[in-house]
N, C-alpha and C. Protein backbone atom coordinates (compact mmCIF):
# COMPACT_ATOMS: atom_id res chain seq x y z
N MET A 1 0.88 -1.33 -0.47
CA MET A 1 -0.26 0.08 0.08
C MET A 1 0.49 1.27 -0.31
N ILE A 2 0.83 2.23 -1.15
CA ILE A 2 1.12 3.43 -1.28
C ILE A 2 1.06 4.24 0.17
N GLN A 3 2.18 4.68 0.57
CA GLN A 3 2.12 5.59 1.93
C GLN A 3 1.91 6.99 1.60
N THR A 4 0.90 8.10 2.31
CA THR A 4 0.98 9.18 2.35
C THR A 4 1.41 9.84 2.59
N THR A 5 2.22 10.83 1.93
CA THR A 5 3.03 12.10 3.16
C THR A 5 2.81 13.37 2.85
N PHE A 6 2.39 14.28 3.94
CA PHE A 6 2.58 15.31 4.42
C PHE A 6 4.19 16.23 4.54
N ILE A 7 4.07 16.89 3.55
CA ILE A 7 5.13 18.14 4.27
C ILE A 7 4.79 19.37 3.90
N TRP A 8 5.39 20.04 5.44
CA TRP A 8 4.97 20.86 5.89
C TRP A 8 5.85 22.03 5.74
N ASP A 9 5.22 23.43 5.75
CA ASP A 9 5.51 25.06 5.71
C ASP A 9 5.27 25.13 7.18
N PHE A 10 6.24 26.20 7.89
CA PHE A 10 6.06 26.34 9.05
C PHE A 10 5.61 27.27 9.60
N ASP A 11 5.92 28.63 9.29
CA ASP A 11 5.02 29.89 10.03
C ASP A 11 4.19 30.10 8.94
N GLY A 12 2.91 29.97 9.47
CA GLY A 12 1.77 30.85 9.00
C GLY A 12 0.57 29.41 8.41
N THR A 13 1.38 28.29 8.42
CA THR A 13 0.87 27.38 8.60
C THR A 13 1.07 25.68 9.22
N LEU A 14 1.34 25.10 9.99
CA LEU A 14 1.84 24.97 11.05
C LEU A 14 1.53 26.16 12.29
N VAL A 15 2.09 26.79 12.53
CA VAL A 15 2.11 28.13 13.63
C VAL A 15 1.65 29.31 13.33
N GLU A 16 1.62 30.06 14.95
CA GLU A 16 0.88 31.23 13.69
C GLU A 16 1.66 32.43 14.43
N SER A 17 3.11 32.90 13.82
CA SER A 17 3.78 34.14 14.34
C SER A 17 3.98 35.02 13.24
N TYR A 18 2.87 35.63 13.23
CA TYR A 18 2.41 36.96 12.15
C TYR A 18 2.48 38.12 13.03
N GLU A 19 2.47 37.39 14.30
CA GLU A 19 2.96 39.37 15.51
C GLU A 19 4.37 38.92 15.34
N ALA A 20 4.94 37.87 15.91
CA ALA A 20 6.78 38.13 15.67
C ALA A 20 7.40 38.50 14.79
N ILE A 21 6.52 37.99 13.33
CA ILE A 21 7.31 38.73 11.87
C ILE A 21 7.09 40.13 11.74
N ARG A 22 5.80 40.58 12.40
CA ARG A 22 5.80 41.75 12.41
C ARG A 22 6.76 42.72 13.19
N GLN A 23 6.35 42.74 14.23
CA GLN A 23 7.84 43.27 15.36
C GLN A 23 8.94 43.15 14.76
N VAL A 24 9.49 41.83 14.11
CA VAL A 24 10.81 41.67 13.36
C VAL A 24 11.19 43.41 12.34
N LEU A 25 10.21 42.84 11.16
CA LEU A 25 10.20 43.80 10.21
C LEU A 25 10.07 45.22 10.68
N VAL A 26 9.12 45.92 11.31
CA VAL A 26 9.17 46.82 12.19
C VAL A 26 10.23 47.28 12.07
N LEU A 27 11.19 46.58 13.21
CA LEU A 27 12.19 46.65 13.74
C LEU A 27 13.08 46.50 12.56
N LEU A 28 13.76 46.34 11.59
CA LEU A 28 13.90 45.66 10.49
C LEU A 28 14.05 47.34 9.50
N TYR A 29 13.07 48.13 9.69
CA TYR A 29 12.41 49.21 8.69
C TYR A 29 13.03 50.26 9.69
N LYS A 30 13.03 50.32 10.50
CA LYS A 30 13.79 50.84 11.49
C LYS A 30 15.44 51.58 11.57
N THR A 31 15.72 50.17 12.19
CA THR A 31 17.15 50.08 11.95
C THR A 31 17.78 50.51 10.74
N TYR A 32 17.12 50.39 9.41
CA TYR A 32 18.00 50.42 8.46
C TYR A 32 17.51 51.92 8.01
N ASP A 33 16.26 52.60 8.38
CA ASP A 33 15.73 53.73 8.25
C ASP A 33 15.29 53.64 6.76
N LEU A 34 14.24 53.11 6.54
CA LEU A 34 13.60 52.44 5.29
C LEU A 34 12.21 52.99 5.39
N PRO A 35 11.59 53.48 4.68
CA PRO A 35 10.14 54.21 5.00
C PRO A 35 9.13 52.78 4.72
N LEU A 36 8.54 53.12 5.80
CA LEU A 36 7.25 51.71 5.89
C LEU A 36 6.05 51.69 5.94
N ASP A 37 5.15 51.19 5.15
CA ASP A 37 3.75 51.30 4.15
C ASP A 37 3.76 49.71 5.02
N GLU A 38 3.46 50.28 6.25
CA GLU A 38 3.19 48.55 7.19
C GLU A 38 1.38 47.45 6.20
N ASP A 39 0.30 48.32 5.42
CA ASP A 39 -0.35 47.55 4.69
C ASP A 39 -0.28 47.29 3.58
N PHE A 40 1.14 47.89 2.84
CA PHE A 40 1.25 47.21 1.70
C PHE A 40 2.63 45.95 2.25
N VAL A 41 3.53 45.99 3.18
CA VAL A 41 4.49 45.70 3.51
C VAL A 41 3.76 43.86 4.10
N PHE A 42 2.66 43.99 4.48
CA PHE A 42 2.18 43.02 5.34
C PHE A 42 1.28 42.06 4.10
N ASP A 43 0.65 43.04 3.54
CA ASP A 43 -0.08 42.27 2.25
C ASP A 43 1.04 41.71 1.22
N PHE A 44 2.31 42.26 1.49
CA PHE A 44 3.46 41.72 0.09
C PHE A 44 3.66 40.46 0.79
N ILE A 45 3.78 40.38 2.28
CA ILE A 45 4.49 38.90 2.75
C ILE A 45 3.93 37.62 2.73
N ILE A 46 2.50 38.17 2.73
CA ILE A 46 1.32 37.17 2.83
C ILE A 46 1.14 36.45 1.46
N LYS A 47 1.41 37.18 0.80
CA LYS A 47 1.19 36.82 -0.57
C LYS A 47 2.43 36.35 -1.65
N GLU A 48 3.26 36.73 -1.02
CA GLU A 48 4.63 36.50 -1.79
C GLU A 48 5.29 35.75 -0.55
N SER A 49 6.66 35.93 0.04
CA SER A 49 6.83 35.56 1.50
C SER A 49 7.91 36.59 2.06
N VAL A 50 8.84 36.84 3.17
CA VAL A 50 9.88 37.93 3.28
C VAL A 50 10.86 37.65 2.91
N GLY A 51 11.59 36.74 2.26
CA GLY A 51 12.19 36.41 1.59
C GLY A 51 12.54 37.10 0.21
N SER A 52 10.95 37.28 -0.07
CA SER A 52 10.51 38.03 -1.73
C SER A 52 10.73 39.47 -1.20
N LEU A 53 10.60 40.26 0.20
CA LEU A 53 10.38 41.34 0.35
C LEU A 53 11.86 41.83 0.73
N LEU A 54 12.60 41.13 1.22
CA LEU A 54 14.31 41.24 1.23
C LEU A 54 14.96 41.23 0.21
N ARG A 55 14.55 40.03 -0.68
CA ARG A 55 15.32 40.75 -1.57
C ARG A 55 14.98 42.24 -2.24
N ARG A 56 13.55 42.47 -2.47
CA ARG A 56 12.85 43.71 -2.89
C ARG A 56 13.91 44.99 -2.18
N LEU A 57 14.13 44.89 -1.04
CA LEU A 57 14.43 45.78 0.46
C LEU A 57 16.15 46.19 -0.57
N ALA A 58 16.69 44.99 -0.62
CA ALA A 58 17.98 44.85 -0.89
C ALA A 58 18.29 45.59 -2.17
N ALA A 59 17.57 45.09 -3.54
CA ALA A 59 17.57 45.91 -4.30
C ALA A 59 17.38 47.16 -5.02
N GLU A 60 16.27 47.65 -4.02
CA GLU A 60 16.00 48.90 -4.52
C GLU A 60 16.53 49.83 -3.66
N HIS A 61 17.45 49.56 -2.46
CA HIS A 61 18.17 50.44 -1.20
C HIS A 61 19.68 50.19 -1.62
N ASP A 62 19.86 49.31 -2.57
CA ASP A 62 21.39 49.05 -1.85
C ASP A 62 21.57 48.38 -0.69
N LEU A 63 20.85 47.24 -0.10
CA LEU A 63 21.56 46.50 1.11
C LEU A 63 21.84 45.21 0.68
N PRO A 64 22.78 44.58 1.43
CA PRO A 64 23.16 43.70 0.97
C PRO A 64 21.83 42.27 1.39
N PHE A 65 21.54 41.68 0.47
CA PHE A 65 20.62 40.67 0.90
C PHE A 65 20.74 39.98 1.85
N GLU A 66 21.71 39.43 2.23
CA GLU A 66 22.22 38.40 2.99
C GLU A 66 22.44 39.04 4.67
N GLU A 67 22.66 40.32 4.27
CA GLU A 67 22.67 40.87 5.75
C GLU A 67 21.45 41.28 6.58
N LEU A 68 20.34 41.42 5.66
CA LEU A 68 18.88 41.57 5.85
C LEU A 68 18.33 40.18 6.52
N LEU A 69 18.60 39.05 5.48
CA LEU A 69 17.96 38.17 6.00
C LEU A 69 18.50 37.75 7.50
N ARG A 70 19.86 37.79 7.79
CA ARG A 70 20.53 37.60 8.55
C ARG A 70 19.77 38.17 10.13
N PHE A 71 19.61 39.26 9.95
CA PHE A 71 19.36 41.00 10.83
C PHE A 71 17.70 39.84 10.97
N PHE A 72 16.83 39.54 9.98
CA PHE A 72 15.33 39.09 10.42
C PHE A 72 15.13 37.60 11.08
N ASN A 73 16.32 36.77 10.35
CA ASN A 73 16.42 35.21 11.53
C ASN A 73 16.68 35.27 12.82
N ARG A 74 17.73 36.81 12.93
CA ARG A 74 18.20 36.77 14.69
C ARG A 74 17.03 37.25 15.06
N GLU A 75 16.50 38.20 14.65
CA GLU A 75 15.23 39.03 15.57
C GLU A 75 14.09 38.05 15.67
N GLN A 76 13.85 37.45 13.77
CA GLN A 76 12.75 36.40 14.82
C GLN A 76 12.81 35.30 15.62
N GLU A 77 14.20 34.48 15.49
CA GLU A 77 14.73 33.36 16.96
C GLU A 77 14.72 34.10 17.97
N ALA A 78 14.72 35.20 18.63
CA ALA A 78 14.73 35.93 19.78
C ALA A 78 13.13 35.69 20.39
N ARG A 79 12.18 36.01 19.42
CA ARG A 79 11.02 35.37 19.53
C ARG A 79 9.93 34.45 19.35
N ASP A 80 10.77 33.36 19.71
CA ASP A 80 9.87 32.40 19.45
C ASP A 80 9.58 31.72 20.62
N ASP A 81 9.96 32.61 21.17
CA ASP A 81 8.16 32.58 22.73
C ASP A 81 6.81 32.83 22.10
N MET A 82 6.65 33.55 21.23
CA MET A 82 5.25 34.12 20.96
C MET A 82 4.90 33.68 19.73
N ILE A 83 5.40 32.19 19.68
CA ILE A 83 4.98 31.42 18.77
C ILE A 83 3.98 30.34 19.12
N ASN A 84 2.44 30.31 17.98
CA ASN A 84 1.53 29.25 19.01
C ASN A 84 1.72 28.54 17.96
N LEU A 85 0.52 27.42 18.12
CA LEU A 85 0.07 26.94 17.19
C LEU A 85 -0.69 26.89 16.06
N MET A 86 -1.06 26.37 15.12
CA MET A 86 -2.41 27.28 14.33
C MET A 86 -3.52 26.15 14.72
N PRO A 87 -4.58 27.00 14.72
CA PRO A 87 -5.77 26.24 15.15
C PRO A 87 -5.94 24.83 14.48
N HIS A 88 -6.42 23.75 15.33
CA HIS A 88 -6.24 22.23 14.91
C HIS A 88 -5.43 21.93 14.42
N ALA A 89 -3.93 22.03 14.93
CA ALA A 89 -3.09 21.71 14.23
C ALA A 89 -2.32 20.19 14.50
N LYS A 90 -2.34 20.20 16.30
CA LYS A 90 -2.00 19.00 17.05
C LYS A 90 -2.72 18.01 16.42
N GLU A 91 -4.77 18.54 16.36
CA GLU A 91 -5.15 17.30 16.28
C GLU A 91 -4.93 16.67 14.78
N ALA A 92 -4.82 17.53 13.87
CA ALA A 92 -4.85 17.08 12.66
C ALA A 92 -3.34 16.46 12.13
N LEU A 93 -2.20 16.64 12.65
CA LEU A 93 -1.09 15.95 12.97
C LEU A 93 -1.39 14.52 13.59
N GLN A 94 -1.80 14.60 14.72
CA GLN A 94 -2.18 13.20 15.46
C GLN A 94 -3.25 12.55 14.74
N LEU A 95 -4.87 13.02 14.52
CA LEU A 95 -4.88 11.72 13.54
C LEU A 95 -4.91 11.51 12.01
N THR A 96 -3.97 12.46 11.51
CA THR A 96 -3.43 11.83 10.43
C THR A 96 -2.59 10.79 10.29
N LYS A 97 -1.82 11.14 11.52
CA LYS A 97 -0.98 9.70 12.00
C LYS A 97 -1.42 8.67 11.99
N GLU A 98 -2.44 8.81 12.75
CA GLU A 98 -3.18 7.57 13.17
C GLU A 98 -3.38 6.69 12.07
N LYS A 99 -3.89 7.52 10.82
CA LYS A 99 -4.40 6.66 9.62
C LYS A 99 -3.18 6.48 8.44
N GLY A 100 -1.76 6.46 9.22
CA GLY A 100 -0.75 5.99 8.37
C GLY A 100 -0.39 7.28 7.55
N VAL A 101 -0.58 8.79 7.93
CA VAL A 101 0.63 9.43 7.26
C VAL A 101 1.64 9.69 7.93
N GLN A 102 3.02 9.83 6.92
CA GLN A 102 4.25 10.49 7.46
C GLN A 102 4.32 11.87 7.09
N HIS A 103 5.42 12.33 8.23
CA HIS A 103 5.07 14.04 8.21
C HIS A 103 6.25 14.21 8.52
N PHE A 104 6.25 15.48 7.70
CA PHE A 104 7.80 15.64 7.34
C PHE A 104 8.02 17.45 7.87
N ILE A 105 8.93 18.23 7.32
CA ILE A 105 8.59 19.92 7.82
C ILE A 105 10.12 20.29 6.57
N TYR A 106 9.30 21.30 5.95
CA TYR A 106 10.78 22.00 4.99
C TYR A 106 10.33 23.36 5.32
N THR A 107 11.04 24.57 5.74
CA THR A 107 10.60 25.71 5.99
C THR A 107 12.45 26.60 6.11
N HIS A 108 11.99 27.68 6.04
CA HIS A 108 13.08 29.02 5.56
C HIS A 108 13.72 29.06 7.51
N LYS A 109 12.62 28.84 8.02
CA LYS A 109 13.10 29.10 9.72
C LYS A 109 14.21 28.20 9.56
N GLY A 110 15.18 29.00 10.80
CA GLY A 110 16.45 28.38 11.36
C GLY A 110 16.16 27.36 11.83
N ALA A 111 18.09 27.62 12.72
CA ALA A 111 17.98 26.07 13.53
C ALA A 111 17.06 25.79 15.09
N THR A 112 16.53 26.87 15.50
CA THR A 112 15.74 26.97 16.95
C THR A 112 14.36 26.37 16.05
N THR A 113 14.03 25.64 15.01
CA THR A 113 12.80 25.20 14.68
C THR A 113 12.02 24.33 15.67
N GLY A 114 13.40 23.18 15.55
CA GLY A 114 13.07 21.99 16.38
C GLY A 114 12.96 22.62 17.78
N ALA A 115 13.62 23.57 18.70
CA ALA A 115 13.10 23.68 19.82
C ALA A 115 11.62 24.01 20.11
N VAL A 116 11.28 24.95 18.56
CA VAL A 116 9.41 25.49 18.72
C VAL A 116 9.31 24.41 18.59
N LEU A 117 9.04 23.63 18.07
CA LEU A 117 8.47 22.34 17.82
C LEU A 117 8.28 21.39 19.40
N ALA A 118 9.09 21.55 19.83
CA ALA A 118 9.78 20.56 21.07
C ALA A 118 8.41 21.65 22.10
N ARG A 119 8.57 22.63 22.21
CA ARG A 119 8.29 23.49 23.52
C ARG A 119 6.31 23.53 23.01
N LEU A 120 6.32 23.39 21.39
CA LEU A 120 4.40 22.92 21.36
C LEU A 120 3.59 21.61 21.47
N GLY A 121 5.06 20.82 21.86
CA GLY A 121 4.59 19.27 22.17
C GLY A 121 4.28 18.36 20.81
N ILE A 122 4.76 18.76 19.41
CA ILE A 122 4.01 18.40 17.77
C ILE A 122 5.75 17.82 17.92
N ASP A 123 6.98 17.71 17.88
CA ASP A 123 7.98 17.18 17.42
C ASP A 123 8.11 16.11 17.23
N HIS A 124 7.20 14.77 17.72
CA HIS A 124 7.45 14.21 17.92
C HIS A 124 6.89 13.51 16.38
N PHE A 125 6.52 13.59 15.96
CA PHE A 125 5.65 13.67 14.60
C PHE A 125 5.93 13.57 13.19
N PHE A 126 7.09 14.28 13.64
CA PHE A 126 7.97 14.32 12.01
C PHE A 126 9.01 13.80 12.58
N THR A 127 9.16 12.81 11.07
CA THR A 127 10.37 11.92 10.60
C THR A 127 11.42 13.15 10.57
N GLU A 128 11.76 13.87 9.95
CA GLU A 128 12.73 15.21 9.85
C GLU A 128 11.75 16.45 9.87
N VAL A 129 13.10 17.35 10.06
CA VAL A 129 12.45 18.42 9.87
C VAL A 129 13.71 19.16 9.03
N ILE A 130 13.76 20.03 7.69
CA ILE A 130 14.27 20.83 7.30
C ILE A 130 14.54 22.14 7.19
N THR A 131 15.41 22.93 7.79
CA THR A 131 15.12 24.29 8.25
C THR A 131 16.36 25.00 7.34
N SER A 132 16.73 26.16 7.14
CA SER A 132 17.60 26.87 6.18
C SER A 132 18.97 26.60 6.80
N ALA A 133 18.91 25.72 8.25
CA ALA A 133 20.57 25.54 8.85
C ALA A 133 21.16 24.15 7.88
N ASN A 134 19.89 23.53 6.91
CA ASN A 134 20.31 22.61 6.14
C ASN A 134 20.93 22.84 4.75
N GLY A 135 20.77 24.19 4.73
CA GLY A 135 21.71 24.69 3.42
C GLY A 135 21.08 24.52 1.84
N PHE A 136 19.58 24.16 2.00
CA PHE A 136 19.05 24.04 0.51
C PHE A 136 19.05 25.40 0.13
N ALA A 137 18.90 25.13 -1.14
CA ALA A 137 17.77 26.43 -2.18
C ALA A 137 16.61 26.84 -1.67
N ARG A 138 16.70 28.27 -1.00
CA ARG A 138 14.99 28.61 -0.38
C ARG A 138 14.01 28.24 -1.47
N LYS A 139 13.06 28.11 -1.12
CA LYS A 139 11.78 28.12 -2.23
C LYS A 139 11.55 29.32 -2.88
N PRO A 140 10.93 29.06 -3.98
CA PRO A 140 10.70 27.68 -4.50
C PRO A 140 11.22 26.41 -5.38
N HIS A 141 12.70 27.02 -5.19
CA HIS A 141 13.36 25.79 -5.60
C HIS A 141 12.96 24.36 -4.82
N PRO A 142 12.85 23.28 -5.69
CA PRO A 142 12.58 22.19 -5.56
C PRO A 142 13.66 21.34 -3.94
N GLU A 143 14.88 21.76 -4.53
CA GLU A 143 16.28 21.07 -3.66
C GLU A 143 15.52 19.97 -2.15
N GLY A 144 15.00 20.75 -1.73
CA GLY A 144 14.91 20.30 -0.08
C GLY A 144 13.46 19.11 -0.10
N VAL A 145 12.64 19.27 -1.15
CA VAL A 145 11.85 18.29 -1.20
C VAL A 145 12.12 17.19 -2.32
N ASP A 146 13.27 17.29 -2.80
CA ASP A 146 13.97 16.48 -3.91
C ASP A 146 14.24 15.81 -2.83
N TYR A 147 15.27 16.17 -1.97
CA TYR A 147 16.14 15.54 -0.82
C TYR A 147 15.24 14.60 0.26
N LEU A 148 13.77 14.84 0.21
CA LEU A 148 13.10 14.08 1.47
C LEU A 148 12.77 12.75 0.33
N VAL A 149 11.89 13.55 -0.89
CA VAL A 149 11.72 12.49 -1.73
C VAL A 149 12.69 11.14 -2.11
N THR A 150 13.82 11.32 -2.34
CA THR A 150 15.19 10.53 -2.78
C THR A 150 14.94 9.80 -1.57
N LYS A 151 15.80 10.79 -0.06
CA LYS A 151 16.16 9.83 0.99
C LYS A 151 15.35 8.93 1.56
N TYR A 152 14.02 9.23 1.56
CA TYR A 152 12.64 8.08 2.47
C TYR A 152 12.03 7.48 1.42
N GLY A 153 12.33 7.99 -0.34
CA GLY A 153 11.61 6.76 -1.51
C GLY A 153 10.31 7.38 -1.30
N LEU A 154 10.01 8.65 -1.51
CA LEU A 154 8.82 8.98 -1.55
C LEU A 154 7.95 8.56 -2.50
N ASP A 155 6.81 8.39 -2.57
CA ASP A 155 5.98 8.43 -3.81
C ASP A 155 5.25 9.67 -3.84
N LYS A 156 5.67 10.47 -5.13
CA LYS A 156 5.20 11.72 -5.75
C LYS A 156 3.81 11.92 -5.39
N SER A 157 2.98 10.80 -6.21
CA SER A 157 1.14 10.79 -6.69
C SER A 157 0.73 11.12 -5.40
N GLN A 158 1.78 10.36 -3.93
CA GLN A 158 1.31 10.96 -2.86
C GLN A 158 1.57 11.77 -1.79
N THR A 159 2.35 12.38 -2.39
CA THR A 159 3.51 13.26 -1.35
C THR A 159 2.68 14.71 -1.45
N TYR A 160 2.22 15.52 -0.70
CA TYR A 160 2.09 16.76 -0.54
C TYR A 160 2.34 17.51 -0.05
N TYR A 161 2.86 19.03 -0.50
CA TYR A 161 2.94 19.98 0.42
C TYR A 161 2.38 21.16 1.08
N ILE A 162 2.15 21.24 2.37
CA ILE A 162 1.44 21.56 2.75
C ILE A 162 1.93 23.21 3.48
N GLY A 163 0.89 24.26 2.79
CA GLY A 163 1.06 25.71 3.10
C GLY A 163 0.23 26.70 3.11
N ASP A 164 1.02 28.06 3.34
CA ASP A 164 -0.14 28.95 3.13
C ASP A 164 0.08 30.45 2.11
N ARG A 165 1.37 30.17 1.35
CA ARG A 165 1.55 31.35 0.02
C ARG A 165 1.54 30.53 -1.21
N ARG A 166 1.40 31.59 -1.90
CA ARG A 166 2.04 30.91 -3.55
C ARG A 166 3.14 30.35 -3.27
N LEU A 167 4.12 30.69 -2.78
CA LEU A 167 5.44 29.74 -2.79
C LEU A 167 5.41 28.89 -2.70
N ASP A 168 4.32 28.13 -1.59
CA ASP A 168 4.73 27.00 -1.39
C ASP A 168 4.21 25.88 -2.48
N VAL A 169 2.95 26.55 -2.93
CA VAL A 169 2.52 25.79 -4.28
C VAL A 169 3.65 25.61 -5.54
N GLU A 170 4.33 26.85 -5.56
CA GLU A 170 5.39 26.49 -6.56
C GLU A 170 6.21 25.33 -6.12
N VAL A 171 7.21 25.76 -5.21
CA VAL A 171 7.70 24.38 -4.54
C VAL A 171 7.27 23.20 -4.60
N ALA A 172 6.31 23.32 -4.33
CA ALA A 172 5.07 21.69 -4.64
C ALA A 172 5.01 21.27 -6.51
N GLU A 173 4.50 22.45 -7.01
CA GLU A 173 4.83 22.18 -8.51
C GLU A 173 6.26 21.98 -8.87
N ASN A 174 7.72 22.50 -8.95
CA ASN A 174 8.69 22.07 -9.06
C ASN A 174 8.88 20.93 -8.77
N ALA A 175 8.40 20.37 -7.94
CA ALA A 175 8.88 19.06 -7.15
C ALA A 175 8.06 18.08 -7.76
N GLY A 176 7.22 18.56 -7.98
CA GLY A 176 6.18 16.88 -9.20
C GLY A 176 5.52 16.65 -7.85
N ILE A 177 5.26 17.13 -7.09
CA ILE A 177 4.34 16.52 -5.92
C ILE A 177 2.85 17.52 -5.82
N GLN A 178 1.93 17.44 -5.47
CA GLN A 178 0.61 18.14 -5.03
C GLN A 178 0.61 19.02 -3.95
N SER A 179 -0.14 20.14 -3.88
CA SER A 179 -0.30 20.79 -3.25
C SER A 179 -1.52 20.96 -2.41
N LEU A 180 -1.31 21.54 -0.44
CA LEU A 180 -2.26 21.86 0.02
C LEU A 180 -2.51 22.55 0.85
N ASN A 181 -3.33 24.22 0.34
CA ASN A 181 -2.66 25.37 0.66
C ASN A 181 -3.89 26.01 1.72
N LEU A 182 -3.67 26.12 2.44
CA LEU A 182 -4.95 27.13 3.68
C LEU A 182 -5.06 28.74 2.43
N HIS A 183 -4.23 29.39 1.87
CA HIS A 183 -4.92 30.86 0.92
C HIS A 183 -5.28 30.72 -0.71
N GLN A 184 -4.28 29.60 -1.33
CA GLN A 184 -4.11 29.72 -2.18
C GLN A 184 -5.29 28.89 -3.11
N PRO A 185 -5.61 29.42 -4.36
CA PRO A 185 -7.09 28.84 -5.20
C PRO A 185 -6.73 27.61 -5.72
N ASP A 186 -7.66 26.39 -6.11
CA ASP A 186 -7.55 25.40 -6.52
C ASP A 186 -7.02 25.63 -7.77
N SER A 187 -6.28 24.47 -8.06
CA SER A 187 -5.45 24.62 -9.49
C SER A 187 -5.18 22.72 -9.68
N ALA A 188 -4.73 23.00 -11.28
CA ALA A 188 -4.01 21.71 -11.47
C ALA A 188 -3.10 20.92 -10.05
N ILE A 189 -2.70 21.53 -9.53
CA ILE A 189 -2.19 20.78 -8.66
C ILE A 189 -2.07 20.96 -7.20
N ASN A 190 -3.10 22.55 -6.71
CA ASN A 190 -3.52 22.51 -5.61
C ASN A 190 -4.68 22.47 -5.25
N ARG A 191 -5.20 22.01 -4.08
CA ARG A 191 -6.25 22.17 -3.23
C ARG A 191 -6.46 22.77 -2.14
N LYS A 192 -6.98 24.17 -2.03
CA LYS A 192 -7.37 24.95 -1.00
C LYS A 192 -8.22 24.51 0.19
N ILE A 193 -7.89 24.72 1.05
CA ILE A 193 -8.05 23.99 2.69
C ILE A 193 -8.43 25.15 3.17
N ASP A 194 -9.67 24.82 4.19
CA ASP A 194 -9.86 26.75 4.78
C ASP A 194 -9.44 26.44 5.95
N ASP A 195 -9.20 24.98 7.26
CA ASP A 195 -8.55 24.96 7.87
C ASP A 195 -7.43 23.27 8.16
N LEU A 196 -7.20 23.20 8.80
CA LEU A 196 -5.94 22.09 8.96
C LEU A 196 -7.14 20.89 9.44
N SER A 197 -8.44 20.68 10.01
CA SER A 197 -9.12 20.12 10.41
C SER A 197 -9.30 19.06 8.89
N ASP A 198 -9.39 19.90 7.98
CA ASP A 198 -9.67 19.13 6.58
C ASP A 198 -9.00 18.60 5.75
N LEU A 199 -7.86 18.33 6.37
CA LEU A 199 -7.03 16.95 6.28
C LEU A 199 -7.68 16.06 6.82
N VAL A 200 -7.82 16.08 7.76
CA VAL A 200 -8.48 14.38 8.05
C VAL A 200 -9.88 14.21 7.60
N ASP A 201 -10.84 14.97 7.18
CA ASP A 201 -12.00 15.14 6.28
C ASP A 201 -11.58 14.43 4.53
N LEU A 202 -10.23 15.06 4.71
CA LEU A 202 -9.98 14.91 3.04
C LEU A 202 -9.06 13.16 2.91
N LEU A 203 -8.47 13.02 4.31
CA LEU A 203 -8.22 11.64 4.16
C LEU A 203 -9.49 10.45 4.33
N SER A 204 -10.07 10.63 5.15
CA SER A 204 -11.30 9.71 5.62
C SER A 204 -12.05 9.83 4.33
N ASP A 205 -12.47 10.63 3.42
CA ASP A 205 -13.19 10.71 2.34
C ASP A 205 -12.52 10.16 0.80
N GLY A 206 -11.36 9.76 1.32
CA GLY A 206 -10.59 9.05 -0.02
C GLY A 206 -9.64 10.14 -1.18
N THR A 207 -10.34 11.41 -0.35
CA THR A 207 -9.38 12.29 -1.57
C THR A 207 -8.20 12.24 -1.17
N LEU A 208 -7.60 11.91 -0.82
CA LEU A 208 -6.33 12.21 -0.76
C LEU A 208 -5.88 10.43 -0.88
């Protein structure tokens, strides 16, 4: 029997970290004396990603992207205590694992991801957690997903990347797997879900 696999994004998908990210970005704009349009910035990162925002700032203001990224990661990690689980995350992990689903994480968040997962009591659900510390190319490049597929012999037809942004749909498409997304519309490779509890229903009714 082919095993279903979920590869999870972290921020905005498994955990609610928006307030921590908001604080860091406000601080970053202030530190680098950049004009801040909060409505634009926070709409942009929801539709795109923090990485895309930082690349845009680097290009527009002649700043080193890697420096901005280090600043963001350092300040975000300093606020890890602000991170909480998304609604129904733990129940979805528990019930889908009971149905035979194996779970992984592939995130741009850094090496403190494991400590956050442990604090939230969900670290034991995941076979492996891939973070920026692993050094893979950033999403939507499929390198991190390809690594998991190869290492664990995953069946791409039953492997799903679960995320909340267009970037997450794109990494699934580039890796040749399916996408489940909290905000992006239905497409040839993506199914929009409204809540993480939908994952259990999709498994139960045989959709996945």
